[in-house]
């Protein structure tokens, strides 16, 4: 992109304020770089570049100001750390679930019924309602509680004004803007390519280094791993597999199944006070999870179940659970340990289908809980033996 076009884009952005000027300058420069390098890169590389630009573009919401990255921040495992639920582009409206990390999302399988374990597996979103990553990508773009676009035409018009339009056309055709539905398909394709890229699956935690025989776990971390895998203690690995795969694949720490953990309603959720148009139940709202998935038969048997998340990078992604109920990682482990024997955990949000076989009364001591937390902390990407050894 010629320098004069970058300057024009910046001038057009001045009414958005200094932050938007900076953002559009960054987007324009990245786009210019991508096009300059296009002769040396593959199409998939360029899709990842475009996907990252789209993922970070705050102009794609209505009103402008929210991007995918607003709720999936790169510095905190692509989650919305600190937010129980996230405000939308209209910041008087909120989503109804905690924004999960989307790290390692490329490994998420399609929705299916596992006959052997009698459980649903996979699908996208916490209730598996999207059947592909591309479908999941489209959802927030038109959700009134998130990015708030009302039509494909409205979104097409935003792309028509974007600094990266030349790259968009280069990848999806000069006439792409003539079909607003095709524009949305292209957006979903590029963002999904970015989310399937290396930035979202680093496998660079201390535990990964341990599995590669590059580093030893501390005695406390090793005890935590033993408890994590022990069927008669933590038994965490039953749903969060921790062992290498049959051909040496590093573990993903989720089996993508669904569970009702028996957690209480989070009374702090701001969406409870929203208008009846979005929450007619008011403070009586119960999130039925998998039972709300339109692809699921016999929904009554699935009430309160949510997809088992990966535990990778969970030190970065608080608060925890589908409703952001717990602020601290240790508190989650304590809940798993004493849910059924300590009244402080209150009544389950959804009483049906609570998992009472694998959690609730684990009998862990305080020291064992500390060891489990220490092990879970080894699952955070970005580990460096040199940094870890500094005094």
Protein backbone atom coordinates (compact mmCIF):
# COMPACT_ATOMS: atom_id res chain seq x y z
CA UNK A 1 0.00 0.00 0.00
CA UNK A 2 1.52 3.40 -0.97
CA UNK A 3 2.47 5.70 1.91
CA UNK A 4 -0.06 8.30 0.74
CA UNK A 5 -2.88 5.77 1.24
CA UNK A 6 -1.69 5.09 4.79
CA UNK A 7 -1.77 8.83 5.51
CA UNK A 8 -5.27 9.13 4.04
CA UNK A 9 -6.47 6.29 6.25
CA UNK A 10 -5.05 8.04 9.31
CA UNK A 11 -6.74 11.33 8.39
CA UNK A 12 -10.06 9.55 7.92
CA UNK A 13 -9.65 8.05 11.40
CA UNK A 14 -9.06 11.29 13.31
CA UNK A 15 -12.63 11.55 14.60
CA UNK A 16 -12.11 8.29 16.49
CA UNK A 17 -9.53 9.80 18.87
CA UNK A 18 -5.82 9.11 19.47
CA UNK A 19 -6.19 5.40 20.21
CA UNK A 20 -8.08 4.74 17.00
CA UNK A 21 -5.53 6.79 15.04
CA UNK A 22 -2.78 4.59 16.46
CA UNK A 23 -4.74 1.40 15.74
CA UNK A 24 -5.50 2.31 12.14
CA UNK A 25 -1.87 3.32 11.60
CA UNK A 26 -0.77 -0.06 12.93
CA UNK A 27 -3.30 -1.91 10.78
CA UNK A 28 -2.28 0.06 7.67
CA UNK A 29 1.43 -0.56 8.26
CA UNK A 30 0.89 -4.28 8.87
CA UNK A 31 -1.18 -4.51 5.72
CA UNK A 32 1.47 -2.69 3.68
CA UNK A 33 4.08 -5.06 5.03
CA UNK A 34 1.95 -8.11 4.24
CA UNK A 35 1.42 -7.05 0.65
CA UNK A 36 5.11 -6.24 0.22
CA UNK A 37 6.02 -9.71 1.44
CA UNK A 38 3.29 -11.51 -0.50
CA UNK A 39 5.66 -12.66 -3.23
CA UNK A 40 7.68 -14.58 -0.62
CA UNK A 41 4.84 -16.02 1.44
CA UNK A 42 2.25 -18.70 0.87
CA UNK A 43 -1.48 -18.06 0.68
CA UNK A 44 -1.99 -19.60 4.13
CA UNK A 45 0.63 -17.24 5.57
CA UNK A 46 -1.21 -14.28 4.08
CA UNK A 47 -4.54 -15.55 5.43
CA UNK A 48 -2.99 -15.66 8.90
CA UNK A 49 -1.73 -12.09 8.48
CA UNK A 50 -5.15 -10.91 7.30
CA UNK A 51 -6.84 -12.91 10.05
CA UNK A 52 -4.75 -11.16 12.68
CA UNK A 53 -5.64 -7.76 11.21
CA UNK A 54 -9.34 -8.65 11.28
CA UNK A 55 -9.07 -10.13 14.78
CA UNK A 56 -7.66 -6.85 16.09
CA UNK A 57 -9.83 -4.43 14.07
CA UNK A 58 -12.07 -2.38 16.40
CA UNK A 59 -13.86 -0.85 13.43
CA UNK A 60 -15.73 -4.10 12.72
CA UNK A 61 -18.19 -3.68 15.60
CA UNK A 62 -21.31 -1.52 15.80
CA UNK A 63 -20.69 0.96 17.26
CA UNK A 64 -16.97 0.89 16.51
CA UNK A 65 -14.68 0.12 19.40
CA UNK A 66 -14.70 -3.65 19.91
CA UNK A 67 -12.66 -6.34 18.19
CA UNK A 68 -12.25 -10.08 18.73
CA UNK A 69 -9.11 -9.19 20.67
CA UNK A 70 -11.11 -7.05 23.09
CA UNK A 71 -12.42 -10.22 24.77
CA UNK A 72 -9.59 -12.55 23.74
CA UNK A 73 -6.42 -10.68 24.67
CA UNK A 74 -3.12 -12.11 23.49
CA UNK A 75 -1.31 -11.21 26.73
CA UNK A 76 -3.62 -13.37 28.88
CA UNK A 77 -4.00 -16.57 26.89
CA UNK A 78 -6.48 -14.98 24.49
CA UNK A 79 -9.05 -14.72 27.28
CA UNK A 80 -10.71 -11.73 28.94
CA UNK A 81 -8.82 -11.90 32.24
CA UNK A 82 -10.48 -10.04 35.07
CA UNK A 83 -13.89 -9.80 33.43
CA UNK A 84 -16.63 -12.00 34.87
CA UNK A 85 -18.47 -11.50 31.60
CA UNK A 86 -17.45 -9.07 28.88
CA UNK A 87 -19.20 -5.84 27.90
CA UNK A 88 -20.22 -5.58 24.27
CA UNK A 89 -19.58 -2.86 21.72
CA UNK A 90 -22.60 -1.27 23.38
CA UNK A 91 -20.99 -1.20 26.81
CA UNK A 92 -24.33 -1.17 28.59
CA UNK A 93 -24.86 -4.77 27.44
CA UNK A 94 -22.94 -7.84 28.59
CA UNK A 95 -22.50 -11.40 27.46
CA UNK A 96 -23.91 -14.14 29.66
CA UNK A 97 -20.78 -16.32 29.91
CA UNK A 98 -17.15 -15.80 30.78
CA UNK A 99 -15.01 -15.42 27.65
CA UNK A 100 -12.77 -18.52 27.61
CA UNK A 101 -9.25 -18.81 26.30
CA UNK A 102 -9.16 -19.77 22.63
CA UNK A 103 -5.63 -21.12 22.80
CA UNK A 104 -5.24 -24.55 21.18
CA UNK A 105 -8.65 -24.16 19.57
CA UNK A 106 -7.48 -25.74 16.32
CA UNK A 107 -7.53 -29.11 18.08
CA UNK A 108 -11.19 -28.80 19.07
CA UNK A 109 -13.08 -31.70 17.41
CA UNK A 110 -16.44 -31.50 15.70
CA UNK A 111 -19.55 -32.18 17.76
CA UNK A 112 -20.23 -35.89 18.11
CA UNK A 113 -21.79 -38.45 20.44
CA UNK A 114 -19.37 -40.81 22.16
CA UNK A 115 -21.36 -44.00 22.57
CA UNK A 116 -18.78 -45.70 24.77
CA UNK A 117 -18.69 -42.92 27.39
CA UNK A 118 -22.28 -41.79 26.70
CA UNK A 119 -21.31 -38.16 26.39
CA UNK A 120 -21.21 -35.43 23.80
CA UNK A 121 -17.76 -34.41 22.58
CA UNK A 122 -16.54 -31.25 20.89
CA UNK A 123 -18.33 -28.53 19.05
CA UNK A 124 -17.47 -24.86 19.45
CA UNK A 125 -18.49 -22.38 22.16
CA UNK A 126 -18.98 -23.59 25.73
CA UNK A 127 -22.18 -25.36 24.69
CA UNK A 128 -20.85 -26.73 21.40
CA UNK A 129 -23.56 -25.04 19.33
CA UNK A 130 -21.21 -23.99 16.49
CA UNK A 131 -20.26 -26.90 14.26
CA UNK A 132 -17.00 -25.39 12.99
CA UNK A 133 -14.44 -22.77 13.95
CA UNK A 134 -15.66 -20.65 11.05
CA UNK A 135 -19.22 -20.77 12.38
CA UNK A 136 -18.00 -19.80 15.83
CA UNK A 137 -16.12 -16.85 14.33
CA UNK A 138 -19.28 -15.51 12.71
CA UNK A 139 -21.27 -15.60 15.95
CA UNK A 140 -19.81 -12.61 17.85
CA UNK A 141 -19.87 -10.42 14.74
CA UNK A 142 -23.68 -10.36 14.79
CA UNK A 143 -24.41 -10.96 18.46
CA UNK A 144 -26.10 -7.80 19.85
CA UNK A 145 -24.34 -8.42 23.17
CA UNK A 146 -20.94 -8.57 21.50
CA UNK A 147 -19.89 -6.85 18.25
CA UNK A 148 -23.45 -5.93 17.38
CA UNK A 149 -23.58 -5.82 13.57
CA UNK A 150 -27.14 -6.01 12.29
CA UNK A 151 -26.49 -7.31 8.77
CA UNK A 152 -23.88 -8.70 6.42
CA UNK A 153 -24.17 -5.52 4.35
CA UNK A 154 -23.21 -3.40 7.36
CA UNK A 155 -20.13 -5.53 7.90
CA UNK A 156 -19.27 -5.50 4.19
CA UNK A 157 -19.29 -1.70 4.25
CA UNK A 158 -16.78 -1.69 7.11
CA UNK A 159 -14.45 -3.96 5.15
CA UNK A 160 -14.79 -1.62 2.15
CA UNK A 161 -13.23 1.17 4.25
CA UNK A 162 -10.53 -0.93 5.90
CA UNK A 163 -6.84 -0.25 5.39
CA UNK A 164 -6.28 -3.92 4.57
CA UNK A 165 -8.85 -4.02 1.75
CA UNK A 166 -6.14 -4.59 -0.91
CA UNK A 167 -4.95 -7.72 0.91
CA UNK A 168 -8.56 -8.84 1.41
CA UNK A 169 -9.18 -8.56 -2.33
CA UNK A 170 -5.86 -10.19 -3.16
CA UNK A 171 -6.87 -13.29 -1.21
CA UNK A 172 -10.60 -13.45 -1.94
CA UNK A 173 -11.02 -11.77 -5.31
CA UNK A 174 -11.34 -8.27 -6.70
CA UNK A 175 -15.14 -8.57 -6.80
CA UNK A 176 -15.54 -9.89 -3.25
CA UNK A 177 -17.41 -6.77 -2.07
CA UNK A 178 -20.23 -7.46 -4.52
CA UNK A 179 -21.48 -10.28 -2.25
CA UNK A 180 -21.85 -9.36 1.43
CA UNK A 181 -22.38 -12.99 2.45
CA UNK A 182 -19.12 -13.93 0.74
CA UNK A 183 -17.39 -11.12 2.63
CA UNK A 184 -18.51 -12.62 5.95
CA UNK A 185 -17.37 -16.07 4.81
CA UNK A 186 -13.97 -14.57 3.94
CA UNK A 187 -13.71 -12.86 7.34
CA UNK A 188 -14.48 -16.15 9.09
CA UNK A 189 -12.00 -18.01 6.89
CA UNK A 190 -9.14 -15.59 7.58
CA UNK A 191 -9.72 -15.29 11.33
CA UNK A 192 -10.01 -19.07 11.61
CA UNK A 193 -6.70 -19.44 9.73
CA UNK A 194 -5.12 -17.08 12.26
CA UNK A 195 -6.58 -19.00 15.21
CA UNK A 196 -5.25 -22.24 13.73
CA UNK A 197 -1.82 -20.66 13.40
CA UNK A 198 1.25 -21.00 15.62
CA UNK A 199 0.41 -18.05 17.88
CA UNK A 200 -2.46 -20.01 19.44
CA UNK A 201 -0.65 -23.31 20.10
CA UNK A 202 2.82 -22.66 21.47
CA UNK A 203 3.39 -25.81 23.57
CA UNK A 204 6.04 -23.85 25.47
CA UNK A 205 5.13 -24.49 29.11
CA UNK A 206 7.41 -25.95 31.77
CA UNK A 207 5.38 -29.16 31.61
CA UNK A 208 6.03 -29.41 27.86
CA UNK A 209 9.74 -28.99 28.56
CA UNK A 210 9.43 -31.71 31.24
CA UNK A 211 7.77 -34.11 28.79
CA UNK A 212 10.60 -33.42 26.34
CA UNK A 213 13.10 -34.33 29.11
CA UNK A 214 14.51 -30.82 29.07
CA UNK A 215 13.76 -29.90 32.68
CA UNK A 216 12.73 -31.54 35.95
CA UNK A 217 9.66 -30.65 37.96
CA UNK A 218 10.18 -29.41 41.50
CA UNK A 219 9.25 -31.89 44.27
CA UNK A 220 6.01 -29.99 44.92
CA UNK A 221 5.13 -29.87 41.19
CA UNK A 222 5.89 -33.58 40.84
CA UNK A 223 3.62 -34.35 43.80
CA UNK A 224 0.93 -32.24 42.15
CA UNK A 225 1.26 -34.24 38.92
CA UNK A 226 0.90 -37.48 40.86
CA UNK A 227 -2.25 -36.19 42.56
CA UNK A 228 -3.55 -34.88 39.23
CA UNK A 229 -3.31 -38.32 37.65
CA UNK A 230 -4.20 -40.51 40.66
CA UNK A 231 -7.63 -42.10 40.25
CA UNK A 232 -8.07 -42.33 44.02
CA UNK A 233 -7.15 -38.70 44.70
CA UNK A 234 -7.43 -35.71 42.34
CA UNK A 235 -8.39 -37.78 39.29
CA UNK A 236 -8.15 -34.59 37.24
CA UNK A 237 -6.67 -36.45 34.27
CA UNK A 238 -9.97 -38.28 33.77
CA UNK A 239 -11.26 -35.18 31.95
CA UNK A 240 -7.97 -33.30 31.47
CA UNK A 241 -5.56 -35.89 29.97
CA UNK A 242 -1.95 -35.12 30.87
CA UNK A 243 0.01 -37.92 29.18
CA UNK A 244 1.73 -37.95 25.82
CA UNK A 245 -0.36 -39.30 22.95
CA UNK A 246 0.24 -42.65 21.28
CA UNK A 247 2.62 -41.08 18.76
CA UNK A 248 4.16 -38.56 21.12
CA UNK A 249 1.61 -35.75 20.81
CA UNK A 250 1.76 -33.28 23.67
CA UNK A 251 -1.39 -33.36 25.83
CA UNK A 252 -4.18 -30.80 25.44
CA UNK A 253 -5.53 -31.13 28.99
CA UNK A 254 -9.13 -31.60 27.86
CA UNK A 255 -11.12 -34.50 26.48
CA UNK A 256 -13.69 -32.02 25.05
CA UNK A 257 -16.53 -33.72 26.94
CA UNK A 258 -19.30 -31.95 28.90
CA UNK A 259 -19.91 -31.77 32.65
CA UNK A 260 -22.15 -30.07 35.16
CA UNK A 261 -19.76 -29.20 37.98
CA UNK A 262 -22.52 -28.18 40.36
CA UNK A 263 -21.29 -24.60 40.72
CA UNK A 264 -23.62 -21.96 42.10
CA UNK A 265 -25.14 -19.07 40.17
CA UNK A 266 -22.82 -16.05 40.09
CA UNK A 267 -24.88 -13.25 41.58
CA UNK A 268 -22.35 -10.67 40.41
CA UNK A 269 -23.23 -11.14 36.74
CA UNK A 270 -24.18 -7.73 35.32
CA UNK A 271 -26.38 -9.23 32.61
CA UNK A 272 -28.94 -10.17 35.27
CA UNK A 273 -30.07 -6.53 35.28
CA UNK A 274 -30.45 -6.29 31.51
CA UNK A 275 -33.70 -5.61 29.76
CA UNK A 276 -36.26 -8.36 29.32
CA UNK A 277 -35.36 -8.52 25.63
CA UNK A 278 -32.09 -10.25 26.51
CA UNK A 279 -32.82 -11.77 29.92
CA UNK A 280 -36.54 -12.22 30.60
CA UNK A 281 -35.76 -14.42 33.63
CA UNK A 282 -33.96 -11.61 35.44
CA UNK A 283 -32.25 -12.74 38.64
CA UNK A 284 -33.88 -16.18 38.25
CA UNK A 285 -31.79 -16.87 35.15
CA UNK A 286 -30.21 -20.32 34.97
CA UNK A 287 -27.70 -21.14 32.24
CA UNK A 288 -28.67 -24.59 30.96
CA UNK A 289 -25.45 -25.00 28.95
CA UNK A 290 -25.42 -27.95 26.56
CA UNK A 291 -29.21 -28.27 26.81
CA UNK A 292 -29.44 -24.99 24.86
CA UNK A 293 -27.52 -26.46 21.93
CA UNK A 294 -30.02 -26.83 19.04
CA UNK A 295 -28.15 -29.85 17.71
CA UNK A 296 -28.63 -31.88 20.89
CA UNK A 297 -31.55 -34.31 21.31
CA UNK A 298 -32.88 -35.20 24.76
CA UNK A 299 -31.80 -31.82 26.08
CA UNK A 300 -33.24 -32.56 29.51
CA UNK A 301 -30.32 -34.94 30.13
CA UNK A 302 -27.77 -32.24 29.30
CA UNK A 303 -28.89 -29.38 31.54
CA UNK A 304 -26.08 -27.51 33.23
CA UNK A 305 -23.28 -29.20 31.30
CA UNK A 306 -20.47 -27.18 29.74
CA UNK A 307 -17.50 -28.23 27.65
CA UNK A 308 -14.42 -29.23 29.61
CA UNK A 309 -11.83 -26.48 28.96
CA UNK A 310 -8.13 -26.94 28.40
CA UNK A 311 -6.10 -26.26 31.51
CA UNK A 312 -3.24 -24.83 29.47
CA UNK A 313 -2.51 -21.21 30.42
CA UNK A 314 -5.19 -21.22 33.10
CA UNK A 315 -3.00 -19.10 35.38
CA UNK A 316 -3.61 -16.28 32.89
CA UNK A 317 -7.35 -16.62 32.42
CA UNK A 318 -9.16 -15.92 35.72
CA UNK A 319 -12.01 -15.76 36.63
CA UNK A 320 -12.97 -19.38 36.16
CA UNK A 321 -15.96 -21.54 35.12
CA UNK A 322 -18.63 -20.64 32.58
CA UNK A 323 -19.99 -17.83 34.77
CA UNK A 324 -16.71 -16.50 36.14
CA UNK A 325 -17.67 -17.61 39.65
CA UNK A 326 -14.17 -18.09 41.06
CA UNK A 327 -11.45 -15.44 41.04
CA UNK A 328 -8.55 -17.62 42.19
CA UNK A 329 -7.18 -20.92 40.88
CA UNK A 330 -6.77 -22.32 44.38
CA UNK A 331 -10.43 -21.62 45.06
CA UNK A 332 -11.41 -23.78 42.08
CA UNK A 333 -9.37 -26.69 43.43
CA UNK A 334 -10.92 -26.21 46.88
CA UNK A 335 -14.38 -26.30 45.30
CA UNK A 336 -13.60 -29.55 43.52
CA UNK A 337 -12.29 -30.92 46.80
CA UNK A 338 -15.18 -30.07 49.17
CA UNK A 339 -18.22 -29.15 47.09
CA UNK A 340 -20.35 -31.88 48.66
CA UNK A 341 -19.11 -31.52 52.26
CA UNK A 342 -18.92 -27.75 52.78
CA UNK A 343 -22.04 -25.58 52.74
CA UNK A 344 -20.08 -22.48 51.69
CA UNK A 345 -20.34 -23.51 48.04
CA UNK A 346 -24.14 -22.94 48.01
CA UNK A 347 -26.72 -24.61 45.78
CA UNK A 348 -25.86 -25.59 42.22
CA UNK A 349 -27.12 -23.21 39.51
CA UNK A 350 -28.53 -26.25 37.73
CA UNK A 351 -29.29 -29.16 40.07
CA UNK A 352 -29.85 -31.73 37.32
CA UNK A 353 -26.98 -33.87 35.99
CA UNK A 354 -24.36 -32.73 38.53
CA UNK A 355 -21.18 -34.82 38.34
CA UNK A 356 -21.01 -36.51 41.76
CA UNK A 357 -18.64 -39.31 40.74
CA UNK A 358 -15.40 -37.45 40.01
CA UNK A 359 -15.46 -34.42 42.31
CA UNK A 360 -17.07 -33.02 45.42
CA UNK A 361 -15.31 -34.91 48.20
CA UNK A 362 -11.73 -35.64 47.13
CA UNK A 363 -10.17 -35.64 50.60
CA UNK A 364 -7.22 -33.46 49.62
CA UNK A 365 -5.20 -31.83 52.38
CA UNK A 366 -4.16 -28.17 52.25
CA UNK A 367 -0.63 -29.24 51.30
CA UNK A 368 -1.97 -31.45 48.52
CA UNK A 369 -4.06 -28.58 47.18
CA UNK A 370 -0.93 -26.43 47.15
CA UNK A 371 0.89 -29.15 45.23
CA UNK A 372 -1.91 -29.41 42.65
CA UNK A 373 -1.88 -25.65 42.13
CA UNK A 374 1.91 -25.70 41.76
CA UNK A 375 1.58 -28.34 39.04
CA UNK A 376 -1.18 -26.41 37.25
CA UNK A 377 1.12 -23.40 37.19
CA UNK A 378 3.56 -25.42 35.04
CA UNK A 379 1.01 -25.40 32.19
CA UNK A 380 1.54 -21.73 31.32
CA UNK A 381 3.25 -21.09 27.97
CA UNK A 382 6.38 -18.99 27.75
CA UNK A 383 8.51 -20.97 30.19
CA UNK A 384 12.26 -20.41 30.03
CA UNK A 385 14.72 -22.37 32.21
CA UNK A 386 17.06 -19.38 32.16
CA UNK A 387 14.39 -16.97 33.39
CA UNK A 388 13.07 -19.48 35.94
CA UNK A 389 16.54 -19.96 37.44
CA UNK A 390 17.22 -16.28 38.08
CA UNK A 391 17.30 -15.26 41.77
